[in-house]
């Protein structure tokens, strides 16, 4: 593993660690007030760009982290549309 790969993987692991808290809150409360689907969509595009970069360059293990993050944010985005009409108590 090169130093750039290490830092890229660390960045993606940190991002992957933060999203489950948002997902857990949405599942627990069934309220998504304050979430921005535009923000999550932009994040998804960024992860897709990272995946395409890896696929068109030299794929390595970091590709799996991009896919993991894409799926996690995609889950949060799905929950946004599932619960968007629910109002906070």
C-alpha atoms as a PDB file:
ATOM      1  CA  UNK A   1       0.000   0.000   0.000  1.00  0.00           C
ATOM      2  CA  UNK A   2       1.332   3.391  -0.955  1.00  0.00           C
ATOM      3  CA  UNK A   3       1.029   6.451   1.252  1.00  0.00           C
ATOM      4  CA  UNK A   4      -1.519   8.114  -1.111  1.00  0.00           C
ATOM      5  CA  UNK A   5      -3.613   4.922  -1.071  1.00  0.00           C
ATOM      6  CA  UNK A   6      -3.463   4.886   2.729  1.00  0.00           C
ATOM      7  CA  UNK A   7      -4.703   8.481   2.989  1.00  0.00           C
ATOM      8  CA  UNK A   8      -7.411   7.946   0.365  1.00  0.00           C
ATOM      9  CA  UNK A   9      -8.591   4.817   2.184  1.00  0.00           C
ATOM     10  CA  UNK A  10      -8.535   6.633   5.536  1.00  0.00           C
ATOM     11  CA  UNK A  11     -10.636   9.474   4.111  1.00  0.00           C
ATOM     12  CA  UNK A  12     -13.195   7.027   2.717  1.00  0.00           C
ATOM     13  CA  UNK A  13     -13.294   5.029   5.957  1.00  0.00           C
ATOM     14  CA  UNK A  14     -13.957   8.213   7.936  1.00  0.00           C
ATOM     15  CA  UNK A  15     -16.798   9.130   5.588  1.00  0.00           C
ATOM     16  CA  UNK A  16     -18.174   5.583   5.768  1.00  0.00           C
ATOM     17  CA  UNK A  17     -18.100   5.719   9.571  1.00  0.00           C
ATOM     18  CA  UNK A  18     -20.191   8.896   9.762  1.00  0.00           C
ATOM     19  CA  UNK A  19     -23.118   7.981   7.485  1.00  0.00           C
ATOM     20  CA  UNK A  20     -24.491   5.073   9.550  1.00  0.00           C
ATOM     21  CA  UNK A  21     -25.354   7.531  12.354  1.00  0.00           C
ATOM     22  CA  UNK A  22     -27.551   9.461   9.933  1.00  0.00           C
ATOM     23  CA  UNK A  23     -29.130   6.249   8.659  1.00  0.00           C
ATOM     24  CA  UNK A  24     -29.760   4.947  12.189  1.00  0.00           C
ATOM     25  CA  UNK A  25     -31.464   8.199  13.199  1.00  0.00           C
ATOM     26  CA  UNK A  26     -33.718   8.105  10.135  1.00  0.00           C
ATOM     27  CA  UNK A  27     -34.656   4.493  10.821  1.00  0.00           C
ATOM     28  CA  UNK A  28     -35.275   5.166  14.525  1.00  0.00           C
ATOM     29  CA  UNK A  29     -37.305   8.373  14.141  1.00  0.00           C
ATOM     30  CA  UNK A  30     -38.666   7.946  10.604  1.00  0.00           C
ATOM     31  CA  UNK A  31     -38.031  11.687  10.216  1.00  0.00           C
ATOM     32  CA  UNK A  32     -35.516  13.163   7.771  1.00  0.00           C
ATOM     33  CA  UNK A  33     -36.048  16.867   8.478  1.00  0.00           C
ATOM     34  CA  UNK A  34     -32.854  18.806   7.873  1.00  0.00           C
ATOM     35  CA  UNK A  35     -31.403  16.351   5.358  1.00  0.00           C
ATOM     36  CA  UNK A  36     -30.659  17.596   1.879  1.00  0.00           C
ATOM     37  CA  UNK A  37     -31.244  15.236  -1.046  1.00  0.00           C
ATOM     38  CA  UNK A  38     -29.268  17.642  -3.248  1.00  0.00           C
ATOM     39  CA  UNK A  39     -26.252  17.359  -0.932  1.00  0.00           C
ATOM     40  CA  UNK A  40     -26.505  13.566  -0.837  1.00  0.00           C
ATOM     41  CA  UNK A  41     -26.865  13.473  -4.634  1.00  0.00           C
ATOM     42  CA  UNK A  42     -23.724  15.544  -5.066  1.00  0.00           C
ATOM     43  CA  UNK A  43     -21.873  13.208  -2.708  1.00  0.00           C
ATOM     44  CA  UNK A  44     -23.097  10.254  -4.793  1.00  0.00           C
ATOM     45  CA  UNK A  45     -21.778  11.872  -7.983  1.00  0.00           C
ATOM     46  CA  UNK A  46     -18.426  12.364  -6.262  1.00  0.00           C
ATOM     47  CA  UNK A  47     -18.242   8.700  -5.284  1.00  0.00           C
ATOM     48  CA  UNK A  48     -19.234   7.674  -8.823  1.00  0.00           C
ATOM     49  CA  UNK A  49     -16.412   9.858 -10.142  1.00  0.00           C
ATOM     50  CA  UNK A  50     -14.009   8.143  -7.724  1.00  0.00           C
ATOM     51  CA  UNK A  51     -15.190   4.743  -8.921  1.00  0.00           C
ATOM     52  CA  UNK A  52     -14.762   5.731 -12.571  1.00  0.00           C
ATOM     53  CA  UNK A  53     -11.310   7.122 -11.803  1.00  0.00           C
ATOM     54  CA  UNK A  54     -10.281   3.822 -10.249  1.00  0.00           C
ATOM     55  CA  UNK A  55     -11.811   1.756 -13.065  1.00  0.00           C
ATOM     56  CA  UNK A  56     -10.158   3.791 -15.829  1.00  0.00           C
ATOM     57  CA  UNK A  57      -6.817   4.032 -14.046  1.00  0.00           C
ATOM     58  CA  UNK A  58      -5.239   1.405 -11.884  1.00  0.00           C
ATOM     59  CA  UNK A  59      -7.951  -0.293  -9.829  1.00  0.00           C
ATOM     60  CA  UNK A  60      -6.938  -1.156  -6.283  1.00  0.00           C
ATOM     61  CA  UNK A  61      -8.600  -2.049  -2.983  1.00  0.00           C
ATOM     62  CA  UNK A  62      -9.740   1.562  -2.485  1.00  0.00           C
ATOM     63  CA  UNK A  63     -12.326   0.964  -5.233  1.00  0.00           C
ATOM     64  CA  UNK A  64     -14.262  -1.201  -2.762  1.00  0.00           C
ATOM     65  CA  UNK A  65     -14.361   1.705  -0.305  1.00  0.00           C
ATOM     66  CA  UNK A  66     -15.827   4.006  -2.956  1.00  0.00           C
ATOM     67  CA  UNK A  67     -18.512   1.395  -3.681  1.00  0.00           C
ATOM     68  CA  UNK A  68     -19.210   0.959   0.048  1.00  0.00           C
ATOM     69  CA  UNK A  69     -19.644   4.722   0.492  1.00  0.00           C
ATOM     70  CA  UNK A  70     -21.838   4.950  -2.600  1.00  0.00           C
ATOM     71  CA  UNK A  71     -24.121   2.271  -1.150  1.00  0.00           C
ATOM     72  CA  UNK A  72     -24.228   3.850   2.311  1.00  0.00           C
ATOM     73  CA  UNK A  73     -25.109   7.313   1.009  1.00  0.00           C
ATOM     74  CA  UNK A  74     -27.554   5.722  -1.424  1.00  0.00           C
ATOM     75  CA  UNK A  75     -29.274   4.089   1.550  1.00  0.00           C
ATOM     76  CA  UNK A  76     -29.558   7.443   3.322  1.00  0.00           C
ATOM     77  CA  UNK A  77     -30.916   9.032   0.144  1.00  0.00           C
ATOM     78  CA  UNK A  78     -33.472   6.230  -0.192  1.00  0.00           C
ATOM     79  CA  UNK A  79     -34.568   6.796   3.412  1.00  0.00           C
ATOM     80  CA  UNK A  80     -34.941  10.513   2.700  1.00  0.00           C
ATOM     81  CA  UNK A  81     -37.468   9.820  -0.058  1.00  0.00           C
ATOM     82  CA  UNK A  82     -39.162   7.105   2.010  1.00  0.00           C
ATOM     83  CA  UNK A  83     -39.718   9.374   5.036  1.00  0.00           C
ATOM     84  CA  UNK A  84     -39.739  12.884   3.551  1.00  0.00           C
ATOM     85  CA  UNK A  85     -43.419  13.442   4.262  1.00  0.00           C
ATOM     86  CA  UNK A  86     -43.088  12.530   7.956  1.00  0.00           C
ATOM     87  CA  UNK A  87     -43.049  15.536  10.273  1.00  0.00           C
ATOM     88  CA  UNK A  88     -41.010  15.827  13.494  1.00  0.00           C
ATOM     89  CA  UNK A  89     -42.998  15.118  16.659  1.00  0.00           C
END
